[in-house]
PDB file of N, CA and C in Angstrom:
ATOM      1  N   MET A   1       0.837  -1.176   0.000  1.00  0.00           N
ATOM      2  CA  MET A   1       0.000   0.000   0.000  1.00  0.00           C
ATOM      3  C   MET A   1       0.885   1.244   0.000  1.00  0.00           C
ATOM      4  N   PRO A   2       0.642   2.183  -0.896  1.00  0.00           N
ATOM      5  CA  PRO A   2       1.475   3.394  -0.936  1.00  0.00           C
ATOM      6  C   PRO A   2       1.196   4.296   0.271  1.00  0.00           C
ATOM      7  N   ILE A   3       2.187   5.067   0.645  1.00  0.00           N
ATOM      8  CA  ILE A   3       2.025   6.044   1.727  1.00  0.00           C
ATOM      9  C   ILE A   3       1.175   7.193   1.206  1.00  0.00           C
ATOM     10  N   GLN A   4       0.209   7.612   1.995  1.00  0.00           N
ATOM     11  CA  GLN A   4      -0.653   8.727   1.604  1.00  0.00           C
ATOM     12  C   GLN A   4      -0.456   9.867   2.604  1.00  0.00           C
ATOM     13  N   PHE A   5       0.352  10.846   2.235  1.00  0.00           N
ATOM     14  CA  PHE A   5       0.553  12.003   3.097  1.00  0.00           C
ATOM     15  C   PHE A   5      -0.688  12.878   3.062  1.00  0.00           C
ATOM     16  N   LEU A   6      -1.053  13.445   4.207  1.00  0.00           N
ATOM     17  CA  LEU A   6      -2.255  14.265   4.303  1.00  0.00           C
ATOM     18  C   LEU A   6      -1.955  15.755   4.393  1.00  0.00           C
ATOM     19  N   ASN A   7      -1.004  16.144   5.214  1.00  0.00           N
ATOM     20  CA  ASN A   7      -0.651  17.550   5.421  1.00  0.00           C
ATOM     21  C   ASN A   7       0.788  17.636   5.902  1.00  0.00           C
ATOM     22  N   LEU A   8       1.331  18.820   5.822  1.00  0.00           N
ATOM     23  CA  LEU A   8       2.569  19.120   6.518  1.00  0.00           C
ATOM     24  C   LEU A   8       2.152  19.564   7.915  1.00  0.00           C
ATOM     25  N   HIS A   9       2.567  18.852   8.943  1.00  0.00           N
ATOM     26  CA  HIS A   9       2.171  19.212  10.302  1.00  0.00           C
ATOM     27  C   HIS A   9       2.936  20.440  10.785  1.00  0.00           C
ATOM     28  N   HIS A  10       4.275  20.395  10.708  1.00  0.00           N
ATOM     29  CA  HIS A  10       5.038  21.564  11.113  1.00  0.00           C
ATOM     30  C   HIS A  10       6.421  21.554  10.471  1.00  0.00           C
ATOM     31  N   ALA A  11       7.003  22.722  10.469  1.00  0.00           N
ATOM     32  CA  ALA A  11       8.396  22.906  10.085  1.00  0.00           C
ATOM     33  C   ALA A  11       9.057  23.637  11.241  1.00  0.00           C
ATOM     34  N   SER A  12      10.280  23.282  11.550  1.00  0.00           N
ATOM     35  CA  SER A  12      11.006  23.918  12.650  1.00  0.00           C
ATOM     36  C   SER A  12      12.137  24.768  12.098  1.00  0.00           C
ATOM     37  N   VAL A  13      12.351  25.915  12.751  1.00  0.00           N
ATOM     38  CA  VAL A  13      13.477  26.771  12.402  1.00  0.00           C
ATOM     39  C   VAL A  13      14.225  27.116  13.688  1.00  0.00           C
ATOM     40  N   ILE A  14      15.522  27.194  13.581  1.00  0.00           N
ATOM     41  CA  ILE A  14      16.354  27.560  14.718  1.00  0.00           C
ATOM     42  C   ILE A  14      16.450  29.076  14.774  1.00  0.00           C
ATOM     43  N   VAL A  15      16.232  29.615  15.969  1.00  0.00           N
ATOM     44  CA  VAL A  15      16.319  31.057  16.182  1.00  0.00           C
ATOM     45  C   VAL A  15      17.259  31.337  17.347  1.00  0.00           C
ATOM     46  N   SER A  16      17.834  32.531  17.357  1.00  0.00           N
ATOM     47  CA  SER A  16      18.764  32.897  18.429  1.00  0.00           C
ATOM     48  C   SER A  16      18.055  33.581  19.589  1.00  0.00           C
ATOM     49  N   ASN A  17      16.884  34.172  19.325  1.00  0.00           N
ATOM     50  CA  ASN A  17      16.147  34.893  20.351  1.00  0.00           C
ATOM     51  C   ASN A  17      14.658  34.759  20.044  1.00  0.00           C
ATOM     52  N   THR A  18      13.955  33.973  20.843  1.00  0.00           N
ATOM     53  CA  THR A  18      12.539  33.693  20.585  1.00  0.00           C
ATOM     54  C   THR A  18      11.716  34.972  20.556  1.00  0.00           C
ATOM     55  N   GLU A  19      11.912  35.853  21.522  1.00  0.00           N
ATOM     56  CA  GLU A  19      11.101  37.083  21.593  1.00  0.00           C
ATOM     57  C   GLU A  19      11.317  37.961  20.362  1.00  0.00           C
ATOM     58  N   LYS A  20      12.550  38.093  19.930  1.00  0.00           N
ATOM     59  CA  LYS A  20      12.852  38.874  18.724  1.00  0.00           C
ATOM     60  C   LYS A  20      12.198  38.224  17.503  1.00  0.00           C
ATOM     61  N   SER A  21      12.263  36.906  17.421  1.00  0.00           N
ATOM     62  CA  SER A  21      11.657  36.199  16.296  1.00  0.00           C
ATOM     63  C   SER A  21      10.140  36.323  16.307  1.00  0.00           C
ATOM     64  N   LEU A  22       9.536  36.339  17.508  1.00  0.00           N
ATOM     65  CA  LEU A  22       8.082  36.473  17.592  1.00  0.00           C
ATOM     66  C   LEU A  22       7.604  37.813  17.065  1.00  0.00           C
ATOM     67  N   VAL A  23       8.419  38.854  17.186  1.00  0.00           N
ATOM     68  CA  VAL A  23       8.039  40.140  16.592  1.00  0.00           C
ATOM     69  C   VAL A  23       7.848  39.956  15.088  1.00  0.00           C
ATOM     70  N   PHE A  24       8.779  39.253  14.455  1.00  0.00           N
ATOM     71  CA  PHE A  24       8.676  39.013  13.012  1.00  0.00           C
ATOM     72  C   PHE A  24       7.481  38.117  12.686  1.00  0.00           C
ATOM     73  N   TYR A  25       7.403  36.961  13.319  1.00  0.00           N
ATOM     74  CA  TYR A  25       6.367  35.990  12.960  1.00  0.00           C
ATOM     75  C   TYR A  25       4.959  36.442  13.385  1.00  0.00           C
ATOM     76  N   ASN A  26       4.834  37.104  14.546  1.00  0.00           N
ATOM     77  CA  ASN A  26       3.524  37.587  15.001  1.00  0.00           C
ATOM     78  C   ASN A  26       3.138  38.907  14.358  1.00  0.00           C
ATOM     79  N   LYS A  27       4.004  39.886  14.501  1.00  0.00           N
ATOM     80  CA  LYS A  27       3.646  41.255  14.112  1.00  0.00           C
ATOM     81  C   LYS A  27       3.767  41.496  12.612  1.00  0.00           C
ATOM     82  N   VAL A  28       4.807  40.961  11.997  1.00  0.00           N
ATOM     83  CA  VAL A  28       5.007  41.208  10.559  1.00  0.00           C
ATOM     84  C   VAL A  28       4.178  40.237   9.723  1.00  0.00           C
ATOM     85  N   LEU A  29       4.277  38.936  10.023  1.00  0.00           N
ATOM     86  CA  LEU A  29       3.549  37.946   9.231  1.00  0.00           C
ATOM     87  C   LEU A  29       2.149  37.652   9.765  1.00  0.00           C
ATOM     88  N   GLY A  30       1.872  38.025  11.000  1.00  0.00           N
ATOM     89  CA  GLY A  30       0.539  37.834  11.549  1.00  0.00           C
ATOM     90  C   GLY A  30       0.204  36.415  11.974  1.00  0.00           C
ATOM     91  N   LEU A  31       1.214  35.573  12.212  1.00  0.00           N
ATOM     92  CA  LEU A  31       0.951  34.209  12.656  1.00  0.00           C
ATOM     93  C   LEU A  31       0.643  34.205  14.153  1.00  0.00           C
ATOM     94  N   LYS A  32      -0.291  33.384  14.550  1.00  0.00           N
ATOM     95  CA  LYS A  32      -0.758  33.316  15.934  1.00  0.00           C
ATOM     96  C   LYS A  32       0.073  32.317  16.729  1.00  0.00           C
ATOM     97  N   GLN A  33       0.554  32.761  17.902  1.00  0.00           N
ATOM     98  CA  GLN A  33       1.287  31.859  18.792  1.00  0.00           C
ATOM     99  C   GLN A  33       0.290  30.928  19.474  1.00  0.00           C
ATOM    100  N   ILE A  34       0.657  29.648  19.546  1.00  0.00           N
ATOM    101  CA  ILE A  34      -0.204  28.651  20.174  1.00  0.00           C
ATOM    102  C   ILE A  34       0.546  27.965  21.314  1.00  0.00           C
ATOM    103  N   GLU A  35      -0.193  27.169  22.064  1.00  0.00           N
ATOM    104  CA  GLU A  35       0.395  26.490  23.218  1.00  0.00           C
ATOM    105  C   GLU A  35       1.535  25.564  22.796  1.00  0.00           C
ATOM    106  N   ARG A  36       2.547  25.534  23.635  1.00  0.00           N
ATOM    107  CA  ARG A  36       3.728  24.701  23.405  1.00  0.00           C
ATOM    108  C   ARG A  36       3.998  23.917  24.677  1.00  0.00           C
ATOM    109  N   PRO A  37       4.321  22.657  24.567  1.00  0.00           N
ATOM    110  CA  PRO A  37       4.623  21.903  25.781  1.00  0.00           C
ATOM    111  C   PRO A  37       5.889  22.425  26.458  1.00  0.00           C
ATOM    112  N   PRO A  38       6.077  22.128  27.727  1.00  0.00           N
ATOM    113  CA  PRO A  38       7.258  22.624  28.454  1.00  0.00           C
ATOM    114  C   PRO A  38       8.526  21.858  28.063  1.00  0.00           C
ATOM    115  N   LEU A  39       9.109  22.265  26.983  1.00  0.00           N
ATOM    116  CA  LEU A  39      10.341  21.637  26.501  1.00  0.00           C
ATOM    117  C   LEU A  39      11.537  22.213  27.253  1.00  0.00           C
ATOM    118  N   PRO A  40      12.676  21.543  27.247  1.00  0.00           N
ATOM    119  CA  PRO A  40      13.835  21.996  28.030  1.00  0.00           C
ATOM    120  C   PRO A  40      14.658  23.102  27.359  1.00  0.00           C
ATOM    121  N   PHE A  41      14.084  23.814  26.411  1.00  0.00           N
ATOM    122  CA  PHE A  41      14.758  24.931  25.758  1.00  0.00           C
ATOM    123  C   PHE A  41      13.688  25.935  25.342  1.00  0.00           C
ATOM    124  N   PRO A  42      14.050  27.211  25.207  1.00  0.00           N
ATOM    125  CA  PRO A  42      13.071  28.221  24.806  1.00  0.00           C
ATOM    126  C   PRO A  42      12.608  28.009  23.369  1.00  0.00           C
ATOM    127  N   GLY A  43      11.470  28.562  23.065  1.00  0.00           N
ATOM    128  CA  GLY A  43      10.936  28.494  21.719  1.00  0.00           C
ATOM    129  C   GLY A  43       9.475  28.871  21.713  1.00  0.00           C
ATOM    130  N   ALA A  44       8.855  28.743  20.573  1.00  0.00           N
ATOM    131  CA  ALA A  44       7.429  29.068  20.424  1.00  0.00           C
ATOM    132  C   ALA A  44       6.875  28.267  19.262  1.00  0.00           C
ATOM    133  N   TRP A  45       5.576  28.013  19.325  1.00  0.00           N
ATOM    134  CA  TRP A  45       4.874  27.366  18.231  1.00  0.00           C
ATOM    135  C   TRP A  45       3.885  28.351  17.654  1.00  0.00           C
ATOM    136  N   LEU A  46       3.782  28.345  16.327  1.00  0.00           N
ATOM    137  CA  LEU A  46       2.916  29.279  15.611  1.00  0.00           C
ATOM    138  C   LEU A  46       1.948  28.518  14.722  1.00  0.00           C
ATOM    139  N   GLN A  47       0.733  28.980  14.690  1.00  0.00           N
ATOM    140  CA  GLN A  47      -0.308  28.368  13.874  1.00  0.00           C
ATOM    141  C   GLN A  47      -0.274  28.978  12.477  1.00  0.00           C
ATOM    142  N   VAL A  48      -0.324  28.111  11.474  1.00  0.00           N
ATOM    143  CA  VAL A  48      -0.403  28.553  10.085  1.00  0.00           C
ATOM    144  C   VAL A  48      -1.800  28.202   9.587  1.00  0.00           C
ATOM    145  N   GLY A  49      -2.564  29.186   9.186  1.00  0.00           N
ATOM    146  CA  GLY A  49      -3.927  28.941   8.723  1.00  0.00           C
ATOM    147  C   GLY A  49      -4.908  28.840   9.872  1.00  0.00           C
ATOM    148  N   GLU A  50      -6.159  28.645   9.531  1.00  0.00           N
ATOM    149  CA  GLU A  50      -7.229  28.644  10.527  1.00  0.00           C
ATOM    150  C   GLU A  50      -7.371  27.321  11.266  1.00  0.00           C
ATOM    151  N   SER A  51      -6.996  26.220  10.657  1.00  0.00           N
ATOM    152  CA  SER A  51      -7.252  24.910  11.259  1.00  0.00           C
ATOM    153  C   SER A  51      -6.349  24.609  12.446  1.00  0.00           C
ATOM    154  N   GLY A  52      -5.169  25.204  12.481  1.00  0.00           N
ATOM    155  CA  GLY A  52      -4.219  24.918  13.545  1.00  0.00           C
ATOM    156  C   GLY A  52      -3.442  23.638  13.330  1.00  0.00           C
ATOM    157  N   ILE A  53      -3.740  22.933  12.264  1.00  0.00           N
ATOM    158  CA  ILE A  53      -3.055  21.667  11.987  1.00  0.00           C
ATOM    159  C   ILE A  53      -1.622  21.919  11.549  1.00  0.00           C
ATOM    160  N   GLN A  54      -1.402  22.956  10.770  1.00  0.00           N
ATOM    161  CA  GLN A  54      -0.071  23.239  10.255  1.00  0.00           C
ATOM    162  C   GLN A  54       0.586  24.323  11.104  1.00  0.00           C
ATOM    163  N   GLN A  55       1.866  24.117  11.410  1.00  0.00           N
ATOM    164  CA  GLN A  55       2.547  24.984  12.361  1.00  0.00           C
ATOM    165  C   GLN A  55       3.983  25.259  11.938  1.00  0.00           C
ATOM    166  N   ILE A  56       4.530  26.325  12.502  1.00  0.00           N
ATOM    167  CA  ILE A  56       5.970  26.594  12.465  1.00  0.00           C
ATOM    168  C   ILE A  56       6.429  26.578  13.907  1.00  0.00           C
ATOM    169  N   HIS A  57       7.486  25.820  14.179  1.00  0.00           N
ATOM    170  CA  HIS A  57       8.056  25.738  15.523  1.00  0.00           C
ATOM    171  C   HIS A  57       9.369  26.516  15.542  1.00  0.00           C
ATOM    172  N   LEU A  58       9.467  27.466  16.440  1.00  0.00           N
ATOM    173  CA  LEU A  58      10.704  28.213  16.647  1.00  0.00           C
ATOM    174  C   LEU A  58      11.483  27.523  17.757  1.00  0.00           C
ATOM    175  N   LEU A  59      12.722  27.161  17.481  1.00  0.00           N
ATOM    176  CA  LEU A  59      13.570  26.463  18.441  1.00  0.00           C
ATOM    177  C   LEU A  59      14.761  27.350  18.778  1.00  0.00           C
ATOM    178  N   GLU A  60      14.837  27.809  20.009  1.00  0.00           N
ATOM    179  CA  GLU A  60      15.965  28.646  20.416  1.00  0.00           C
ATOM    180  C   GLU A  60      17.091  27.726  20.885  1.00  0.00           C
ATOM    181  N   LEU A  61      17.945  27.404  19.921  1.00  0.00           N
ATOM    182  CA  LEU A  61      19.056  26.482  20.147  1.00  0.00           C
ATOM    183  C   LEU A  61      20.301  27.023  19.452  1.00  0.00           C
ATOM    184  N   ASP A  62      21.450  26.480  19.809  1.00  0.00           N
ATOM    185  CA  ASP A  62      22.663  26.832  19.078  1.00  0.00           C
ATOM    186  C   ASP A  62      22.496  26.368  17.638  1.00  0.00           C
ATOM    187  N   ASN A  63      22.794  27.254  16.716  1.00  0.00           N
ATOM    188  CA  ASN A  63      22.600  26.954  15.304  1.00  0.00           C
ATOM    189  C   ASN A  63      23.866  26.304  14.729  1.00  0.00           C
ATOM    190  N   PRO A  64      23.770  25.066  14.241  1.00  0.00           N
ATOM    191  CA  PRO A  64      24.945  24.413  13.666  1.00  0.00           C
ATOM    192  C   PRO A  64      25.236  24.866  12.237  1.00  0.00           C
ATOM    193  N   ASP A  65      24.317  25.628  11.640  1.00  0.00           N
ATOM    194  CA  ASP A  65      24.467  26.058  10.251  1.00  0.00           C
ATOM    195  C   ASP A  65      25.034  27.472  10.172  1.00  0.00           C
ATOM    196  N   PRO A  66      25.785  27.777   9.116  1.00  0.00           N
ATOM    197  CA  PRO A  66      26.274  29.142   8.954  1.00  0.00           C
ATOM    198  C   PRO A  66      25.107  30.095   8.667  1.00  0.00           C
ATOM    199  N   THR A  67      25.189  31.281   9.230  1.00  0.00           N
ATOM    200  CA  THR A  67      24.149  32.281   8.971  1.00  0.00           C
ATOM    201  C   THR A  67      24.625  33.334   7.976  1.00  0.00           C
ATOM    202  N   THR A  68      25.878  33.243   7.568  1.00  0.00           N
ATOM    203  CA  THR A  68      26.400  34.147   6.550  1.00  0.00           C
ATOM    204  C   THR A  68      26.736  33.334   5.309  1.00  0.00           C
ATOM    205  N   GLY A  69      26.900  34.034   4.184  1.00  0.00           N
ATOM    206  CA  GLY A  69      27.257  33.357   2.945  1.00  0.00           C
ATOM    207  C   GLY A  69      26.091  32.655   2.284  1.00  0.00           C
ATOM    208  N   ARG A  70      24.871  32.951   2.732  1.00  0.00           N
ATOM    209  CA  ARG A  70      23.686  32.340   2.149  1.00  0.00           C
ATOM    210  C   ARG A  70      23.345  33.074   0.855  1.00  0.00           C
ATOM    211  N   PRO A  71      22.642  32.429  -0.077  1.00  0.00           N
ATOM    212  CA  PRO A  71      22.277  33.106  -1.313  1.00  0.00           C
ATOM    213  C   PRO A  71      21.455  34.363  -1.045  1.00  0.00           C
ATOM    214  N   GLU A  72      21.686  35.402  -1.834  1.00  0.00           N
ATOM    215  CA  GLU A  72      20.930  36.644  -1.643  1.00  0.00           C
ATOM    216  C   GLU A  72      19.440  36.410  -1.876  1.00  0.00           C
ATOM    217  N   HIS A  73      19.108  35.667  -2.929  1.00  0.00           N
ATOM    218  CA  HIS A  73      17.705  35.378  -3.229  1.00  0.00           C
ATOM    219  C   HIS A  73      17.298  34.124  -2.468  1.00  0.00           C
ATOM    220  N   GLY A  74      16.306  34.259  -1.588  1.00  0.00           N
ATOM    221  CA  GLY A  74      15.879  33.158  -0.740  1.00  0.00           C
ATOM    222  C   GLY A  74      15.387  31.939  -1.480  1.00  0.00           C
ATOM    223  N   GLY A  75      14.987  32.096  -2.738  1.00  0.00           N
ATOM    224  CA  GLY A  75      14.526  30.959  -3.527  1.00  0.00           C
ATOM    225  C   GLY A  75      15.627  29.976  -3.857  1.00  0.00           C
ATOM    226  N   ARG A  76      16.843  30.383  -3.614  1.00  0.00           N
ATOM    227  CA  ARG A  76      17.981  29.501  -3.878  1.00  0.00           C
ATOM    228  C   ARG A  76      18.582  28.996  -2.569  1.00  0.00           C
ATOM    229  N   ASP A  77      17.772  29.002  -1.528  1.00  0.00           N
ATOM    230  CA  ASP A  77      18.190  28.555  -0.208  1.00  0.00           C
ATOM    231  C   ASP A  77      17.080  27.673   0.355  1.00  0.00           C
ATOM    232  N   ARG A  78      17.368  26.872   1.367  1.00  0.00           N
ATOM    233  CA  ARG A  78      16.284  26.098   1.983  1.00  0.00           C
ATOM    234  C   ARG A  78      15.281  27.086   2.566  1.00  0.00           C
ATOM    235  N   HIS A  79      14.001  26.707   2.531  1.00  0.00           N
ATOM    236  CA  HIS A  79      12.984  27.646   2.972  1.00  0.00           C
ATOM    237  C   HIS A  79      11.674  26.941   3.310  1.00  0.00           C
ATOM    238  N   ILE A  80      10.806  27.663   3.975  1.00  0.00           N
ATOM    239  CA  ILE A  80       9.441  27.239   4.252  1.00  0.00           C
ATOM    240  C   ILE A  80       8.556  28.049   3.317  1.00  0.00           C
ATOM    241  N   ALA A  81       7.612  27.397   2.653  1.00  0.00           N
ATOM    242  CA  ALA A  81       6.705  28.095   1.746  1.00  0.00           C
ATOM    243  C   ALA A  81       5.296  28.095   2.326  1.00  0.00           C
ATOM    244  N   LEU A  82       4.682  29.271   2.372  1.00  0.00           N
ATOM    245  CA  LEU A  82       3.325  29.458   2.863  1.00  0.00           C
ATOM    246  C   LEU A  82       2.477  30.058   1.754  1.00  0.00           C
ATOM    247  N   THR A  83       1.200  29.722   1.716  1.00  0.00           N
ATOM    248  CA  THR A  83       0.304  30.336   0.741  1.00  0.00           C
ATOM    249  C   THR A  83      -0.601  31.349   1.439  1.00  0.00           C
ATOM    250  N   VAL A  84      -0.964  32.372   0.705  1.00  0.00           N
ATOM    251  CA  VAL A  84      -1.886  33.398   1.187  1.00  0.00           C
ATOM    252  C   VAL A  84      -2.941  33.650   0.120  1.00  0.00           C
ATOM    253  N   ALA A  85      -4.080  34.185   0.547  1.00  0.00           N
ATOM    254  CA  ALA A  85      -5.141  34.518  -0.398  1.00  0.00           C
ATOM    255  C   ALA A  85      -4.727  35.685  -1.286  1.00  0.00           C
ATOM    256  N   SER A  86      -4.016  36.656  -0.706  1.00  0.00           N
ATOM    257  CA  SER A  86      -3.546  37.815  -1.462  1.00  0.00           C
ATOM    258  C   SER A  86      -2.156  38.192  -0.966  1.00  0.00           C
ATOM    259  N   LEU A  87      -1.277  38.483  -1.875  1.00  0.00           N
ATOM    260  CA  LEU A  87       0.081  38.879  -1.523  1.00  0.00           C
ATOM    261  C   LEU A  87       0.149  40.349  -1.087  1.00  0.00           C
ATOM    262  N   ASN A  88      -0.837  41.145  -1.465  1.00  0.00           N
ATOM    263  CA  ASN A  88      -0.786  42.586  -1.187  1.00  0.00           C
ATOM    264  C   ASN A  88      -0.620  42.920   0.297  1.00  0.00           C
ATOM    265  N   PRO A  89      -1.390  42.330   1.224  1.00  0.00           N
ATOM    266  CA  PRO A  89      -1.171  42.665   2.638  1.00  0.00           C
ATOM    267  C   PRO A  89       0.216  42.263   3.143  1.00  0.00           C
ATOM    268  N   VAL A  90       0.767  41.206   2.594  1.00  0.00           N
ATOM    269  CA  VAL A  90       2.116  40.775   2.976  1.00  0.00           C
ATOM    270  C   VAL A  90       3.121  41.833   2.531  1.00  0.00           C
ATOM    271  N   LEU A  91       3.002  42.273   1.295  1.00  0.00           N
ATOM    272  CA  LEU A  91       3.900  43.304   0.777  1.00  0.00           C
ATOM    273  C   LEU A  91       3.808  44.572   1.626  1.00  0.00           C
ATOM    274  N   GLU A  92       2.591  44.978   1.970  1.00  0.00           N
ATOM    275  CA  GLU A  92       2.394  46.176   2.793  1.00  0.00           C
ATOM    276  C   GLU A  92       3.064  46.025   4.145  1.00  0.00           C
ATOM    277  N   SER A  93       2.891  44.864   4.791  1.00  0.00           N
ATOM    278  CA  SER A  93       3.475  44.637   6.110  1.00  0.00           C
ATOM    279  C   SER A  93       4.996  44.603   6.051  1.00  0.00           C
ATOM    280  N   LEU A  94       5.544  43.922   5.052  1.00  0.00           N
ATOM    281  CA  LEU A  94       7.000  43.861   4.932  1.00  0.00           C
ATOM    282  C   LEU A  94       7.584  45.254   4.700  1.00  0.00           C
ATOM    283  N   GLU A  95       6.952  46.017   3.827  1.00  0.00           N
ATOM    284  CA  GLU A  95       7.450  47.369   3.556  1.00  0.00           C
ATOM    285  C   GLU A  95       7.302  48.273   4.784  1.00  0.00           C
ATOM    286  N   TYR A  96       6.162  48.203   5.460  1.00  0.00           N
ATOM    287  CA  TYR A  96       5.930  49.012   6.660  1.00  0.00           C
ATOM    288  C   TYR A  96       6.971  48.694   7.732  1.00  0.00           C
ATOM    289  N   ASN A  97       7.300  47.417   7.885  1.00  0.00           N
ATOM    290  CA  ASN A  97       8.254  46.978   8.900  1.00  0.00           C
ATOM    291  C   ASN A  97       9.694  46.933   8.404  1.00  0.00           C
ATOM    292  N   GLN A  98       9.914  47.427   7.210  1.00  0.00           N
ATOM    293  CA  GLN A  98      11.244  47.529   6.596  1.00  0.00           C
ATOM    294  C   GLN A  98      11.967  46.187   6.549  1.00  0.00           C
ATOM    295  N   VAL A  99      11.216  45.157   6.153  1.00  0.00           N
ATOM    296  CA  VAL A  99      11.786  43.825   5.965  1.00  0.00           C
ATOM    297  C   VAL A  99      12.103  43.659   4.484  1.00  0.00           C
ATOM    298  N   ARG A 100      13.334  43.344   4.175  1.00  0.00           N
ATOM    299  CA  ARG A 100      13.748  43.156   2.785  1.00  0.00           C
ATOM    300  C   ARG A 100      13.128  41.882   2.229  1.00  0.00           C
ATOM    301  N   TYR A 101      12.804  41.905   0.960  1.00  0.00           N
ATOM    302  CA  TYR A 101      12.248  40.738   0.288  1.00  0.00           C
ATOM    303  C   TYR A 101      12.639  40.791  -1.175  1.00  0.00           C
ATOM    304  N   SER A 102      12.492  39.655  -1.846  1.00  0.00           N
ATOM    305  CA  SER A 102      12.678  39.627  -3.292  1.00  0.00           C
ATOM    306  C   SER A 102      11.495  38.879  -3.895  1.00  0.00           C
ATOM    307  N   LEU A 103      11.073  39.334  -5.036  1.00  0.00           N
ATOM    308  CA  LEU A 103       9.972  38.678  -5.727  1.00  0.00           C
ATOM    309  C   LEU A 103      10.488  37.414  -6.394  1.00  0.00           C
ATOM    310  N   SER A 104       9.601  36.456  -6.550  1.00  0.00           N
ATOM    311  CA  SER A 104       9.974  35.204  -7.184  1.00  0.00           C
ATOM    312  C   SER A 104      10.419  35.452  -8.623  1.00  0.00           C
ATOM    313  N   ILE A 105      11.499  34.809  -9.031  1.00  0.00           N
ATOM    314  CA  ILE A 105      11.976  34.962 -10.405  1.00  0.00           C
ATOM    315  C   ILE A 105      11.236  34.019 -11.356  1.00  0.00           C
ATOM    316  N   SER A 106      10.323  33.201 -10.794  1.00  0.00           N
ATOM    317  CA  SER A 106       9.566  32.248 -11.610  1.00  0.00           C
ATOM    318  C   SER A 106       8.410  32.904 -12.363  1.00  0.00           C
ATOM    319  N   GLY A 107       8.069  34.131 -11.969  1.00  0.00           N
ATOM    320  CA  GLY A 107       6.923  34.791 -12.583  1.00  0.00           C
ATOM    321  C   GLY A 107       5.641  34.608 -11.786  1.00  0.00           C
ATOM    322  N   ARG A 108       5.672  33.684 -10.805  1.00  0.00           N
ATOM    323  CA  ARG A 108       4.499  33.514  -9.936  1.00  0.00           C
ATOM    324  C   ARG A 108       4.359  34.734  -9.039  1.00  0.00           C
ATOM    325  N   ARG A 109       3.165  34.923  -8.489  1.00  0.00           N
ATOM    326  CA  ARG A 109       2.954  35.973  -7.494  1.00  0.00           C
ATOM    327  C   ARG A 109       3.430  35.429  -6.161  1.00  0.00           C
ATOM    328  N   ALA A 110       4.724  35.626  -5.908  1.00  0.00           N
ATOM    329  CA  ALA A 110       5.351  35.082  -4.714  1.00  0.00           C
ATOM    330  C   ALA A 110       6.554  35.936  -4.344  1.00  0.00           C
ATOM    331  N   LEU A 111       6.956  35.818  -3.084  1.00  0.00           N
ATOM    332  CA  LEU A 111       8.133  36.551  -2.621  1.00  0.00           C
ATOM    333  C   LEU A 111       8.890  35.704  -1.613  1.00  0.00           C
ATOM    334  N   PHE A 112      10.104  36.132  -1.355  1.00  0.00           N
ATOM    335  CA  PHE A 112      10.967  35.496  -0.362  1.00  0.00           C
ATOM    336  C   PHE A 112      11.455  36.580   0.591  1.00  0.00           C
ATOM    337  N   CYS A 113      11.410  36.275   1.883  1.00  0.00           N
ATOM    338  CA  CYS A 113      11.984  37.168   2.888  1.00  0.00           C
ATOM    339  C   CYS A 113      12.693  36.304   3.923  1.00  0.00           C
ATOM    340  N   ARG A 114      13.458  36.945   4.788  1.00  0.00           N
ATOM    341  CA  ARG A 114      14.179  36.209   5.828  1.00  0.00           C
ATOM    342  C   ARG A 114      13.766  36.730   7.198  1.00  0.00           C
ATOM    343  N   ASP A 115      13.712  35.799   8.151  1.00  0.00           N
ATOM    344  CA  ASP A 115      13.426  36.192   9.529  1.00  0.00           C
ATOM    345  C   ASP A 115      14.703  36.786  10.131  1.00  0.00           C
ATOM    346  N   PRO A 116      14.673  37.254  11.380  1.00  0.00           N
ATOM    347  CA  PRO A 116      15.874  37.884  11.962  1.00  0.00           C
ATOM    348  C   PRO A 116      17.104  36.979  12.008  1.00  0.00           C
ATOM    349  N   ASP A 117      16.919  35.661  11.901  1.00  0.00           N
ATOM    350  CA  ASP A 117      18.057  34.734  11.925  1.00  0.00           C
ATOM    351  C   ASP A 117      18.462  34.247  10.539  1.00  0.00           C
ATOM    352  N   GLY A 118      17.865  34.809   9.497  1.00  0.00           N
ATOM    353  CA  GLY A 118      18.232  34.429   8.142  1.00  0.00           C
ATOM    354  C   GLY A 118      17.474  33.249   7.584  1.00  0.00           C
ATOM    355  N   ASN A 119      16.504  32.704   8.330  1.00  0.00           N
ATOM    356  CA  ASN A 119      15.674  31.626   7.794  1.00  0.00           C
ATOM    357  C   ASN A 119      14.762  32.198   6.718  1.00  0.00           C
ATOM    358  N   THR A 120      14.672  31.515   5.587  1.00  0.00           N
ATOM    359  CA  THR A 120      13.891  32.027   4.467  1.00  0.00           C
ATOM    360  C   THR A 120      12.448  31.558   4.538  1.00  0.00           C
ATOM    361  N   ILE A 121      11.548  32.509   4.294  1.00  0.00           N
ATOM    362  CA  ILE A 121      10.124  32.234   4.194  1.00  0.00           C
ATOM    363  C   ILE A 121       9.689  32.631   2.785  1.00  0.00           C
ATOM    364  N   GLU A 122       9.082  31.690   2.075  1.00  0.00           N
ATOM    365  CA  GLU A 122       8.486  31.988   0.780  1.00  0.00           C
ATOM    366  C   GLU A 122       6.987  32.168   1.002  1.00  0.00           C
ATOM    367  N   ILE A 123       6.422  33.193   0.413  1.00  0.00           N
ATOM    368  CA  ILE A 123       4.985  33.430   0.537  1.00  0.00           C
ATOM    369  C   ILE A 123       4.415  33.520  -0.872  1.00  0.00           C
ATOM    370  N   ILE A 124       3.460  32.644  -1.144  1.00  0.00           N
ATOM    371  CA  ILE A 124       2.898  32.472  -2.487  1.00  0.00           C
ATOM    372  C   ILE A 124       1.426  32.840  -2.467  1.00  0.00           C
ATOM    373  N   GLU A 125       1.024  33.673  -3.414  1.00  0.00           N
ATOM    374  CA  GLU A 125      -0.402  33.959  -3.565  1.00  0.00           C
ATOM    375  C   GLU A 125      -1.068  32.748  -4.214  1.00  0.00           C
ATOM    376  N   GLN A 126      -2.066  32.211  -3.543  1.00  0.00           N
ATOM    377  CA  GLN A 126      -2.735  31.030  -4.063  1.00  0.00           C
ATOM    378  C   GLN A 126      -3.586  31.384  -5.275  1.00  0.00           C
ATOM    379  N   VAL A 127      -3.415  30.598  -6.311  1.00  0.00           N
ATOM    380  CA  VAL A 127      -4.187  30.804  -7.536  1.00  0.00           C
ATOM    381  C   VAL A 127      -5.605  30.306  -7.276  1.00  0.00           C
ATOM    382  N   GLN A 128      -6.572  31.145  -7.545  1.00  0.00           N
ATOM    383  CA  GLN A 128      -7.982  30.771  -7.291  1.00  0.00           C
ATOM    384  C   GLN A 128      -8.548  29.985  -8.438  1.00  0.00           C
TER     385      GLN A 128
END
């Protein structure tokens, strides 16, 4: 029997400062913080979408990966991709909060930005 994947439950990113990262994920991207079990290290869990099934987990741990020398365009780096109904509010929020981004070179209505630790987030306008 073939494996039938249903959803992406969560993606984890390493951050250096949970509170600083929450400003980006909560205030800039508008993701809602949800309950997190008492793990032995700081971090936060964020809900993606209305169902709460899909999440981003922020892990405040020592980062084993280099944070410099990454590709300038986030599409050429590992990343998390999220869909939105409209890209316009995302663009407004990024510009208001002075977060640098680059538009997708594929021609899709999409952009790439980085969180305070250099983790790349791709945001794609869902085709209706």
